[in-house]
Structures are given as structure tokens and as C-alpha cells.
Amino acid sequence: MTELNRRNFIRSASLATGSILFFSSCRNQTGGYLFFTGEEALCLIAFCEQIIPKDDSPGATDAGVIYYIDRQLSTIFQYDQETYRNGIRNLQGYCNKKFGKSFEKVDFAEQTKLLKQLENNKLQEIEWPLGRSSDFFNLVRSHTMQGFYGSPIHGGNKDYLSFRMLKIDYPLVIGQNRYRSL
């Protein structure tokens, strides 16, 4: 029989608390997204891969663009949340009606055709009921480019992939640099 002294109690309580925190954080790691659900993220990953596909060079997924967009929608770009929710809902609804499957499961060539329709606002209101398809397309394209080419401190451009691909040095800018008179 073990004696329950203060040291054993603290050790047991710490272990229990740590276990609770660990397992609750594991539950949240189904992709580690702050804003997107797992299904929304899969759709958006396929969308971003259309904009910057992987070939000889890394693509949007390699650079972690989904994490950039997710982080920004949770903080700075909160005003775009509704556009993303409605756009993904419209896109998945359209694909399920037309192809019988979600956007990320549609053939790459068909995805490309569909995104050209979105960009040119070619879908009817009945096919795209919430907002304008071109607004959604342009927003995702803009955020994809930011996540791929921007600074890694914002959640994208993992390991400086785009900088290395373009063979440029990481622009070292710290805070607001001001000219000083000597």
C-alpha cells in the first residue's frame, strides 16, 4: 500500500492533468485547423492545388497554403469567413449535383474547367446561390498567392519553398525600419 503524501499527490495530479490536456489536444488535431472543418479543408486544398499545382516545383500543399488561409481567417481576415463558408458550400453542392462527388474527388481536368467557370462568373444563380462565384474564386486565388509567396511567419510558404524555388534570399525585414540620420 502506498502512502498518499503531498509529493505523490502532486505527481498524480500532474500526471492526470497532463493526460487530460494531451488527449484533448489530440482530439483537436484532426488536421489542426482553427477555422476550417476537415471536409472544408480538403475542398480548399484541392482548390489551391489548382492555382499552384505541384510539378517540378512545390505546390500549394507543399507550402502549407491551407494553414496560412486557415490562420488568417481565424484572425486578420475574419471578415472573409462568410465568403469562404458560402463558397465552399456552393462548390461542394454544385459538384455533388453535377459529378455525384465532392470537389476534391473530381478529376483534375474537370476541376480546372469548373474553376474557369467560377472565375468568369459563368454559373447561374441556381447553381451558385450564395454570392458571386468570381468573388470567391478571386479571394481564394489571392489568399493562395499570399500563402505561397509571403513570409512563413504568417503560416504559409513552409520552409521558404517559394523563395528557394525562385532562388531569392529571404527578405529580412524586422519591424518598421526607419532611416536614421547619422
N, C-alpha and C. Protein backbone atom coordinates (compact mmCIF):
# COMPACT_ATOMS: atom_id res chain seq x y z
N MET A 1 0.84 -1.17 0.00
CA MET A 1 0.00 0.00 0.00
C MET A 1 0.89 1.24 0.00
N THR A 2 0.58 2.15 -0.92
CA THR A 2 1.41 3.35 -0.99
C THR A 2 0.80 4.45 -0.15
N GLU A 3 1.69 5.19 0.39
CA GLU A 3 1.25 6.30 1.23
C GLU A 3 0.97 7.51 0.34
N LEU A 4 -0.14 8.16 0.56
CA LEU A 4 -0.50 9.34 -0.23
C LEU A 4 0.00 10.57 0.51
N ASN A 5 1.21 10.94 0.20
CA ASN A 5 1.75 12.16 0.79
C ASN A 5 1.64 13.28 -0.23
N ARG A 6 2.08 14.42 0.16
CA ARG A 6 1.97 15.60 -0.70
C ARG A 6 2.70 15.40 -2.03
N ARG A 7 3.90 14.84 -2.00
CA ARG A 7 4.70 14.64 -3.21
C ARG A 7 4.00 13.67 -4.17
N ASN A 8 3.49 12.56 -3.66
CA ASN A 8 2.77 11.59 -4.51
C ASN A 8 1.47 12.19 -5.05
N PHE A 9 0.80 12.97 -4.22
CA PHE A 9 -0.44 13.61 -4.66
C PHE A 9 -0.16 14.58 -5.82
N ILE A 10 0.86 15.41 -5.69
CA ILE A 10 1.20 16.37 -6.74
C ILE A 10 1.61 15.63 -8.01
N ARG A 11 2.40 14.58 -7.87
CA ARG A 11 2.83 13.80 -9.03
C ARG A 11 1.60 13.20 -9.74
N SER A 12 0.69 12.62 -8.98
CA SER A 12 -0.52 12.01 -9.56
C SER A 12 -1.42 13.05 -10.21
N ALA A 13 -1.59 14.17 -9.52
CA ALA A 13 -2.44 15.24 -10.06
C ALA A 13 -1.84 15.82 -11.34
N SER A 14 -0.51 15.98 -11.37
CA SER A 14 0.16 16.50 -12.56
C SER A 14 0.01 15.54 -13.73
N LEU A 15 0.18 14.25 -13.44
CA LEU A 15 0.04 13.25 -14.49
C LEU A 15 -1.39 13.23 -15.04
N ALA A 16 -2.37 13.31 -14.15
CA ALA A 16 -3.77 13.32 -14.59
C ALA A 16 -4.08 14.57 -15.41
N THR A 17 -3.63 15.72 -14.95
CA THR A 17 -3.87 16.96 -15.68
C THR A 17 -3.18 16.94 -17.04
N GLY A 18 -1.95 16.48 -17.06
CA GLY A 18 -1.22 16.38 -18.32
C GLY A 18 -1.90 15.45 -19.30
N SER A 19 -2.42 14.35 -18.80
CA SER A 19 -3.12 13.39 -19.66
C SER A 19 -4.38 14.01 -20.26
N ILE A 20 -5.11 14.72 -19.42
CA ILE A 20 -6.33 15.36 -19.91
C ILE A 20 -6.00 16.39 -20.99
N LEU A 21 -5.00 17.20 -20.74
CA LEU A 21 -4.61 18.21 -21.73
C LEU A 21 -4.08 17.58 -23.01
N PHE A 22 -3.30 16.51 -22.87
CA PHE A 22 -2.73 15.83 -24.03
C PHE A 22 -3.84 15.23 -24.89
N PHE A 23 -4.74 14.49 -24.27
CA PHE A 23 -5.79 13.82 -25.05
C PHE A 23 -6.78 14.81 -25.65
N SER A 24 -7.05 15.90 -24.93
CA SER A 24 -7.95 16.90 -25.52
C SER A 24 -7.29 17.60 -26.69
N SER A 25 -5.97 17.79 -26.64
CA SER A 25 -5.29 18.41 -27.78
C SER A 25 -5.20 17.44 -28.94
N CYS A 26 -5.10 16.15 -28.68
CA CYS A 26 -5.09 15.16 -29.75
C CYS A 26 -6.42 15.17 -30.49
N ARG A 27 -7.50 15.34 -29.76
CA ARG A 27 -8.83 15.37 -30.37
C ARG A 27 -8.93 16.53 -31.35
N ASN A 28 -8.26 17.62 -31.08
CA ASN A 28 -8.30 18.80 -31.93
C ASN A 28 -7.35 18.70 -33.12
N GLN A 29 -6.51 17.68 -33.17
CA GLN A 29 -5.51 17.59 -34.22
C GLN A 29 -6.01 16.82 -35.44
N THR A 30 -7.28 16.86 -35.75
CA THR A 30 -7.82 16.21 -36.93
C THR A 30 -7.49 17.03 -38.16
N GLY A 31 -6.39 17.62 -38.19
CA GLY A 31 -5.96 18.48 -39.27
C GLY A 31 -5.34 19.74 -38.69
N GLY A 32 -5.64 20.01 -37.44
CA GLY A 32 -5.07 21.17 -36.78
C GLY A 32 -5.60 22.48 -37.31
N TYR A 33 -6.81 22.52 -37.80
CA TYR A 33 -7.36 23.74 -38.37
C TYR A 33 -8.07 24.57 -37.31
N LEU A 34 -7.92 25.87 -37.42
CA LEU A 34 -8.57 26.79 -36.50
C LEU A 34 -9.95 27.20 -36.99
N PHE A 35 -10.10 27.34 -38.29
CA PHE A 35 -11.36 27.80 -38.87
C PHE A 35 -12.07 26.69 -39.65
N PHE A 36 -11.37 26.00 -40.51
CA PHE A 36 -11.98 25.02 -41.40
C PHE A 36 -12.31 23.72 -40.68
N THR A 37 -13.38 23.08 -41.16
CA THR A 37 -13.62 21.70 -40.79
C THR A 37 -12.71 20.84 -41.67
N GLY A 38 -12.57 19.58 -41.34
CA GLY A 38 -11.74 18.69 -42.15
C GLY A 38 -12.22 18.62 -43.59
N GLU A 39 -13.54 18.56 -43.79
CA GLU A 39 -14.11 18.48 -45.14
C GLU A 39 -13.87 19.76 -45.93
N GLU A 40 -14.05 20.89 -45.27
CA GLU A 40 -13.80 22.17 -45.94
C GLU A 40 -12.33 22.28 -46.34
N ALA A 41 -11.45 21.84 -45.47
CA ALA A 41 -10.02 21.92 -45.76
C ALA A 41 -9.67 21.07 -46.97
N LEU A 42 -10.22 19.87 -47.08
CA LEU A 42 -9.94 19.01 -48.24
C LEU A 42 -10.36 19.69 -49.54
N CYS A 43 -11.52 20.31 -49.52
CA CYS A 43 -12.01 21.03 -50.69
C CYS A 43 -11.06 22.17 -51.05
N LEU A 44 -10.68 22.95 -50.05
CA LEU A 44 -9.83 24.11 -50.30
C LEU A 44 -8.41 23.71 -50.71
N ILE A 45 -7.92 22.60 -50.18
CA ILE A 45 -6.60 22.12 -50.59
C ILE A 45 -6.60 21.82 -52.08
N ALA A 46 -7.65 21.12 -52.55
CA ALA A 46 -7.75 20.81 -53.98
C ALA A 46 -7.87 22.09 -54.81
N PHE A 47 -8.61 23.06 -54.31
CA PHE A 47 -8.77 24.35 -54.99
C PHE A 47 -7.41 25.04 -55.11
N CYS A 48 -6.68 25.12 -54.01
CA CYS A 48 -5.36 25.79 -54.01
C CYS A 48 -4.36 25.05 -54.89
N GLU A 49 -4.46 23.73 -54.96
CA GLU A 49 -3.57 22.95 -55.83
C GLU A 49 -3.87 23.23 -57.30
N GLN A 50 -5.06 23.65 -57.61
CA GLN A 50 -5.39 24.07 -58.97
C GLN A 50 -4.69 25.39 -59.30
N ILE A 51 -4.59 26.26 -58.32
CA ILE A 51 -3.98 27.57 -58.54
C ILE A 51 -2.46 27.45 -58.61
N ILE A 52 -1.88 26.71 -57.69
CA ILE A 52 -0.42 26.48 -57.70
C ILE A 52 -0.20 24.97 -57.58
N PRO A 53 -0.26 24.27 -58.72
CA PRO A 53 -0.09 22.81 -58.67
C PRO A 53 1.38 22.42 -58.52
N LYS A 54 1.56 21.25 -57.97
CA LYS A 54 2.91 20.71 -57.84
C LYS A 54 3.33 20.13 -59.17
N ASP A 55 4.52 20.47 -59.61
CA ASP A 55 5.11 19.88 -60.81
C ASP A 55 6.58 19.64 -60.48
N ASP A 56 7.50 20.21 -61.22
CA ASP A 56 8.92 20.11 -60.87
C ASP A 56 9.19 20.88 -59.58
N SER A 57 8.36 21.85 -59.32
CA SER A 57 8.49 22.70 -58.13
C SER A 57 7.35 22.38 -57.16
N PRO A 58 7.50 22.79 -55.91
CA PRO A 58 6.46 22.53 -54.92
C PRO A 58 5.16 23.26 -55.25
N GLY A 59 4.07 22.70 -54.79
CA GLY A 59 2.76 23.31 -54.99
C GLY A 59 2.22 23.92 -53.71
N ALA A 60 0.97 24.32 -53.77
CA ALA A 60 0.32 24.99 -52.65
C ALA A 60 0.31 24.12 -51.39
N THR A 61 0.07 22.83 -51.56
CA THR A 61 0.03 21.94 -50.41
C THR A 61 1.40 21.84 -49.75
N ASP A 62 2.44 21.73 -50.56
CA ASP A 62 3.80 21.64 -50.03
C ASP A 62 4.16 22.87 -49.20
N ALA A 63 3.66 24.01 -49.61
CA ALA A 63 3.98 25.26 -48.93
C ALA A 63 3.07 25.53 -47.73
N GLY A 64 2.08 24.67 -47.50
CA GLY A 64 1.19 24.85 -46.35
C GLY A 64 0.22 26.00 -46.51
N VAL A 65 -0.21 26.26 -47.74
CA VAL A 65 -1.11 27.38 -48.01
C VAL A 65 -2.41 27.26 -47.20
N ILE A 66 -2.91 26.03 -47.04
CA ILE A 66 -4.16 25.84 -46.30
C ILE A 66 -4.02 26.37 -44.86
N TYR A 67 -2.84 26.19 -44.28
CA TYR A 67 -2.63 26.67 -42.90
C TYR A 67 -2.53 28.18 -42.85
N TYR A 68 -1.97 28.77 -43.89
CA TYR A 68 -1.94 30.24 -43.97
C TYR A 68 -3.37 30.78 -44.01
N ILE A 69 -4.17 30.25 -44.93
CA ILE A 69 -5.54 30.75 -45.08
C ILE A 69 -6.33 30.51 -43.81
N ASP A 70 -6.19 29.32 -43.24
CA ASP A 70 -6.91 28.97 -42.02
C ASP A 70 -6.54 29.93 -40.88
N ARG A 71 -5.26 30.17 -40.71
CA ARG A 71 -4.81 31.07 -39.64
C ARG A 71 -5.33 32.49 -39.87
N GLN A 72 -5.24 32.96 -41.10
CA GLN A 72 -5.67 34.33 -41.38
C GLN A 72 -7.18 34.50 -41.20
N LEU A 73 -7.95 33.48 -41.58
CA LEU A 73 -9.41 33.56 -41.40
C LEU A 73 -9.79 33.56 -39.92
N SER A 74 -8.94 33.01 -39.09
CA SER A 74 -9.21 32.98 -37.65
C SER A 74 -8.81 34.29 -36.97
N THR A 75 -8.01 35.09 -37.66
CA THR A 75 -7.51 36.32 -37.03
C THR A 75 -7.79 37.54 -37.91
N ILE A 76 -6.89 37.83 -38.81
CA ILE A 76 -6.93 39.06 -39.60
C ILE A 76 -8.11 39.11 -40.56
N PHE A 77 -8.36 38.01 -41.27
CA PHE A 77 -9.38 38.00 -42.34
C PHE A 77 -10.73 37.47 -41.88
N GLN A 78 -11.10 37.74 -40.65
CA GLN A 78 -12.39 37.24 -40.15
C GLN A 78 -13.56 37.72 -41.01
N TYR A 79 -13.42 38.87 -41.62
CA TYR A 79 -14.47 39.42 -42.46
C TYR A 79 -14.68 38.58 -43.72
N ASP A 80 -13.76 37.67 -44.05
CA ASP A 80 -13.92 36.80 -45.22
C ASP A 80 -14.48 35.42 -44.88
N GLN A 81 -14.75 35.18 -43.61
CA GLN A 81 -15.22 33.86 -43.20
C GLN A 81 -16.49 33.44 -43.93
N GLU A 82 -17.46 34.34 -44.00
CA GLU A 82 -18.73 34.00 -44.64
C GLU A 82 -18.53 33.70 -46.13
N THR A 83 -17.67 34.44 -46.79
CA THR A 83 -17.39 34.19 -48.21
C THR A 83 -16.83 32.79 -48.39
N TYR A 84 -15.93 32.38 -47.52
CA TYR A 84 -15.36 31.03 -47.60
C TYR A 84 -16.41 29.96 -47.31
N ARG A 85 -17.15 30.13 -46.24
CA ARG A 85 -18.18 29.13 -45.88
C ARG A 85 -19.18 28.96 -47.02
N ASN A 86 -19.71 30.10 -47.52
CA ASN A 86 -20.69 30.04 -48.62
C ASN A 86 -20.07 29.49 -49.89
N GLY A 87 -18.86 29.93 -50.21
CA GLY A 87 -18.19 29.48 -51.43
C GLY A 87 -17.93 27.99 -51.43
N ILE A 88 -17.43 27.48 -50.32
CA ILE A 88 -17.18 26.03 -50.24
C ILE A 88 -18.49 25.26 -50.29
N ARG A 89 -19.50 25.76 -49.61
CA ARG A 89 -20.82 25.11 -49.63
C ARG A 89 -21.38 25.09 -51.06
N ASN A 90 -21.29 26.21 -51.75
CA ASN A 90 -21.76 26.27 -53.14
C ASN A 90 -20.98 25.31 -54.04
N LEU A 91 -19.66 25.33 -53.89
CA LEU A 91 -18.79 24.49 -54.73
C LEU A 91 -19.08 23.01 -54.50
N GLN A 92 -19.19 22.61 -53.25
CA GLN A 92 -19.47 21.21 -52.96
C GLN A 92 -20.87 20.82 -53.42
N GLY A 93 -21.83 21.70 -53.24
CA GLY A 93 -23.19 21.42 -53.70
C GLY A 93 -23.25 21.25 -55.21
N TYR A 94 -22.57 22.14 -55.93
CA TYR A 94 -22.54 22.06 -57.39
C TYR A 94 -21.89 20.76 -57.84
N CYS A 95 -20.77 20.42 -57.26
CA CYS A 95 -20.04 19.20 -57.64
C CYS A 95 -20.84 17.94 -57.32
N ASN A 96 -21.50 17.94 -56.18
CA ASN A 96 -22.31 16.77 -55.83
C ASN A 96 -23.47 16.59 -56.80
N LYS A 97 -24.07 17.68 -57.26
CA LYS A 97 -25.17 17.58 -58.24
C LYS A 97 -24.65 17.19 -59.61
N LYS A 98 -23.58 17.83 -60.05
CA LYS A 98 -23.08 17.60 -61.41
C LYS A 98 -22.27 16.32 -61.55
N PHE A 99 -21.40 16.01 -60.59
CA PHE A 99 -20.49 14.88 -60.71
C PHE A 99 -20.82 13.72 -59.76
N GLY A 100 -21.68 13.98 -58.80
CA GLY A 100 -22.00 12.95 -57.82
C GLY A 100 -20.91 12.74 -56.79
N LYS A 101 -20.02 13.72 -56.64
CA LYS A 101 -18.94 13.63 -55.66
C LYS A 101 -18.46 15.03 -55.31
N SER A 102 -17.69 15.10 -54.24
CA SER A 102 -17.19 16.39 -53.79
C SER A 102 -16.07 16.90 -54.70
N PHE A 103 -15.80 18.19 -54.61
CA PHE A 103 -14.84 18.85 -55.48
C PHE A 103 -13.47 18.16 -55.47
N GLU A 104 -12.98 17.82 -54.28
CA GLU A 104 -11.63 17.24 -54.19
C GLU A 104 -11.54 15.86 -54.84
N LYS A 105 -12.67 15.22 -55.09
CA LYS A 105 -12.67 13.89 -55.72
C LYS A 105 -12.93 13.96 -57.22
N VAL A 106 -13.21 15.15 -57.73
CA VAL A 106 -13.43 15.35 -59.16
C VAL A 106 -12.07 15.32 -59.86
N ASP A 107 -12.04 14.80 -61.07
CA ASP A 107 -10.82 14.74 -61.88
C ASP A 107 -10.19 16.13 -62.01
N PHE A 108 -8.85 16.19 -62.02
CA PHE A 108 -8.12 17.46 -62.06
C PHE A 108 -8.53 18.32 -63.25
N ALA A 109 -8.70 17.70 -64.42
CA ALA A 109 -9.08 18.46 -65.62
C ALA A 109 -10.48 19.06 -65.46
N GLU A 110 -11.40 18.31 -64.86
CA GLU A 110 -12.76 18.84 -64.63
C GLU A 110 -12.73 19.96 -63.59
N GLN A 111 -11.87 19.81 -62.58
CA GLN A 111 -11.72 20.88 -61.60
C GLN A 111 -11.27 22.17 -62.28
N THR A 112 -10.31 22.02 -63.19
CA THR A 112 -9.79 23.19 -63.91
C THR A 112 -10.89 23.88 -64.70
N LYS A 113 -11.69 23.11 -65.41
CA LYS A 113 -12.81 23.69 -66.18
C LYS A 113 -13.78 24.42 -65.26
N LEU A 114 -14.08 23.78 -64.15
CA LEU A 114 -15.03 24.38 -63.21
C LEU A 114 -14.48 25.68 -62.64
N LEU A 115 -13.21 25.72 -62.30
CA LEU A 115 -12.64 26.94 -61.74
C LEU A 115 -12.61 28.07 -62.77
N LYS A 116 -12.45 27.72 -64.03
CA LYS A 116 -12.53 28.76 -65.08
C LYS A 116 -13.94 29.33 -65.14
N GLN A 117 -14.95 28.47 -64.94
CA GLN A 117 -16.32 28.96 -64.89
C GLN A 117 -16.53 29.87 -63.68
N LEU A 118 -15.97 29.48 -62.55
CA LEU A 118 -16.10 30.32 -61.35
C LEU A 118 -15.45 31.67 -61.57
N GLU A 119 -14.25 31.65 -62.12
CA GLU A 119 -13.50 32.89 -62.35
C GLU A 119 -14.26 33.85 -63.26
N ASN A 120 -14.93 33.30 -64.27
CA ASN A 120 -15.65 34.12 -65.24
C ASN A 120 -17.12 34.31 -64.89
N ASN A 121 -17.51 33.89 -63.68
CA ASN A 121 -18.88 34.05 -63.19
C ASN A 121 -19.90 33.41 -64.13
N LYS A 122 -19.60 32.24 -64.65
CA LYS A 122 -20.45 31.58 -65.64
C LYS A 122 -21.55 30.71 -65.04
N LEU A 123 -21.56 30.49 -63.73
CA LEU A 123 -22.59 29.65 -63.14
C LEU A 123 -23.84 30.48 -62.86
N GLN A 124 -24.97 29.88 -63.09
CA GLN A 124 -26.25 30.53 -62.84
C GLN A 124 -26.49 30.66 -61.33
N GLU A 125 -27.40 31.54 -60.95
CA GLU A 125 -27.70 31.74 -59.54
C GLU A 125 -28.20 30.45 -58.89
N ILE A 126 -28.92 29.66 -59.64
CA ILE A 126 -29.42 28.40 -59.09
C ILE A 126 -28.28 27.42 -58.82
N GLU A 127 -27.19 27.54 -59.59
CA GLU A 127 -26.02 26.67 -59.40
C GLU A 127 -25.08 27.22 -58.33
N TRP A 128 -25.11 28.53 -58.12
CA TRP A 128 -24.24 29.21 -57.16
C TRP A 128 -25.09 30.21 -56.38
N PRO A 129 -25.89 29.73 -55.42
CA PRO A 129 -26.91 30.59 -54.80
C PRO A 129 -26.40 31.66 -53.84
N LEU A 130 -25.24 31.48 -53.24
CA LEU A 130 -24.79 32.42 -52.22
C LEU A 130 -23.58 33.22 -52.71
N GLY A 131 -23.77 34.47 -53.05
CA GLY A 131 -22.67 35.32 -53.50
C GLY A 131 -22.34 35.12 -54.97
N ARG A 132 -21.25 35.73 -55.40
CA ARG A 132 -20.80 35.59 -56.80
C ARG A 132 -19.62 34.63 -56.83
N SER A 133 -19.65 33.73 -57.79
CA SER A 133 -18.57 32.73 -57.88
C SER A 133 -17.22 33.39 -58.15
N SER A 134 -17.21 34.46 -58.92
CA SER A 134 -15.93 35.13 -59.22
C SER A 134 -15.34 35.78 -57.97
N ASP A 135 -16.19 36.28 -57.07
CA ASP A 135 -15.69 36.86 -55.82
C ASP A 135 -14.98 35.79 -54.99
N PHE A 136 -15.60 34.61 -54.90
CA PHE A 136 -14.99 33.51 -54.16
C PHE A 136 -13.69 33.08 -54.82
N PHE A 137 -13.72 32.89 -56.12
CA PHE A 137 -12.51 32.47 -56.85
C PHE A 137 -11.37 33.46 -56.63
N ASN A 138 -11.65 34.75 -56.81
CA ASN A 138 -10.61 35.77 -56.68
C ASN A 138 -10.04 35.85 -55.27
N LEU A 139 -10.90 35.66 -54.28
CA LEU A 139 -10.45 35.69 -52.89
C LEU A 139 -9.53 34.51 -52.60
N VAL A 140 -9.93 33.32 -53.00
CA VAL A 140 -9.10 32.14 -52.77
C VAL A 140 -7.79 32.25 -53.54
N ARG A 141 -7.85 32.73 -54.77
CA ARG A 141 -6.62 32.89 -55.56
C ARG A 141 -5.68 33.87 -54.87
N SER A 142 -6.19 34.99 -54.41
CA SER A 142 -5.38 35.99 -53.74
C SER A 142 -4.74 35.42 -52.47
N HIS A 143 -5.53 34.74 -51.66
CA HIS A 143 -5.02 34.17 -50.41
C HIS A 143 -4.03 33.04 -50.68
N THR A 144 -4.25 32.29 -51.76
CA THR A 144 -3.32 31.22 -52.12
C THR A 144 -1.96 31.81 -52.49
N MET A 145 -1.97 32.86 -53.27
CA MET A 145 -0.73 33.51 -53.67
C MET A 145 -0.01 34.10 -52.44
N GLN A 146 -0.77 34.71 -51.55
CA GLN A 146 -0.17 35.26 -50.34
C GLN A 146 0.46 34.15 -49.50
N GLY A 147 -0.25 33.04 -49.36
CA GLY A 147 0.26 31.94 -48.57
C GLY A 147 1.47 31.26 -49.18
N PHE A 148 1.55 31.28 -50.49
CA PHE A 148 2.67 30.62 -51.17
C PHE A 148 3.90 31.51 -51.23
N TYR A 149 3.69 32.78 -51.55
CA TYR A 149 4.82 33.70 -51.77
C TYR A 149 5.15 34.59 -50.57
N GLY A 150 4.28 34.62 -49.58
CA GLY A 150 4.50 35.51 -48.45
C GLY A 150 5.51 34.98 -47.44
N SER A 151 5.63 35.67 -46.36
CA SER A 151 6.56 35.28 -45.30
C SER A 151 6.04 34.07 -44.54
N PRO A 152 6.90 33.12 -44.22
CA PRO A 152 6.49 31.95 -43.44
C PRO A 152 5.96 32.29 -42.05
N ILE A 153 6.26 33.46 -41.53
CA ILE A 153 5.77 33.79 -40.20
C ILE A 153 4.25 33.90 -40.15
N HIS A 154 3.61 33.97 -41.31
CA HIS A 154 2.16 34.08 -41.36
C HIS A 154 1.47 32.73 -41.54
N GLY A 155 2.23 31.66 -41.61
CA GLY A 155 1.64 30.32 -41.66
C GLY A 155 1.80 29.59 -42.98
N GLY A 156 2.21 30.24 -44.03
CA GLY A 156 2.40 29.59 -45.33
C GLY A 156 3.86 29.57 -45.72
N ASN A 157 4.13 29.34 -46.99
CA ASN A 157 5.48 29.31 -47.53
C ASN A 157 6.42 28.50 -46.64
N LYS A 158 5.97 27.30 -46.31
CA LYS A 158 6.70 26.42 -45.41
C LYS A 158 8.14 26.22 -45.88
N ASP A 159 9.04 26.37 -44.95
CA ASP A 159 10.48 26.20 -45.22
C ASP A 159 10.97 27.10 -46.36
N TYR A 160 10.31 28.22 -46.57
CA TYR A 160 10.71 29.18 -47.60
C TYR A 160 10.71 28.57 -49.00
N LEU A 161 9.76 27.66 -49.26
CA LEU A 161 9.73 26.94 -50.53
C LEU A 161 9.72 27.86 -51.74
N SER A 162 8.87 28.87 -51.71
CA SER A 162 8.79 29.72 -52.90
C SER A 162 10.06 30.55 -53.08
N PHE A 163 10.67 30.98 -51.99
CA PHE A 163 11.91 31.74 -52.10
C PHE A 163 13.01 30.88 -52.70
N ARG A 164 13.09 29.63 -52.23
CA ARG A 164 14.10 28.72 -52.78
C ARG A 164 13.81 28.39 -54.23
N MET A 165 12.53 28.20 -54.55
CA MET A 165 12.15 27.91 -55.93
C MET A 165 12.55 29.06 -56.86
N LEU A 166 12.34 30.29 -56.41
CA LEU A 166 12.68 31.47 -57.20
C LEU A 166 14.15 31.87 -57.07
N LYS A 167 14.86 31.14 -56.22
CA LYS A 167 16.29 31.40 -55.97
C LYS A 167 16.53 32.84 -55.50
N ILE A 168 15.69 33.24 -54.54
CA ILE A 168 15.88 34.56 -53.93
C ILE A 168 16.14 34.39 -52.44
N ASP A 169 16.83 35.33 -51.86
CA ASP A 169 17.09 35.31 -50.43
C ASP A 169 15.82 35.73 -49.70
N TYR A 170 15.71 35.25 -48.49
CA TYR A 170 14.59 35.66 -47.65
C TYR A 170 14.76 37.13 -47.33
N PRO A 171 13.77 37.96 -47.64
CA PRO A 171 13.90 39.39 -47.33
C PRO A 171 13.83 39.62 -45.83
N LEU A 172 14.92 40.02 -45.25
CA LEU A 172 14.99 40.24 -43.82
C LEU A 172 14.48 41.63 -43.48
N VAL A 173 13.25 41.69 -43.01
CA VAL A 173 12.65 42.95 -42.59
C VAL A 173 12.15 42.73 -41.18
N ILE A 174 12.66 43.47 -40.26
CA ILE A 174 12.28 43.31 -38.86
C ILE A 174 11.59 44.59 -38.42
N GLY A 175 10.33 44.47 -38.10
CA GLY A 175 9.59 45.64 -37.61
C GLY A 175 9.54 46.74 -38.65
N GLN A 176 9.43 47.93 -38.19
CA GLN A 176 9.41 49.06 -39.09
C GLN A 176 10.81 49.67 -39.11
N ASN A 177 11.49 49.42 -40.19
CA ASN A 177 12.82 50.01 -40.35
C ASN A 177 12.69 51.47 -40.75
N ARG A 178 13.39 52.32 -40.06
CA ARG A 178 13.35 53.75 -40.36
C ARG A 178 14.76 54.19 -40.73
N TYR A 179 14.83 55.16 -41.61
CA TYR A 179 16.11 55.74 -41.92
C TYR A 179 16.55 56.60 -40.75
N ARG A 180 17.78 56.45 -40.40
CA ARG A 180 18.31 57.26 -39.30
C ARG A 180 19.33 58.23 -39.86
N SER A 181 19.32 59.41 -39.35
CA SER A 181 20.36 60.36 -39.74
C SER A 181 21.56 60.16 -38.80
N LEU A 182 22.70 60.13 -39.38
CA LEU A 182 23.91 59.91 -38.57
C LEU A 182 24.55 61.16 -38.14
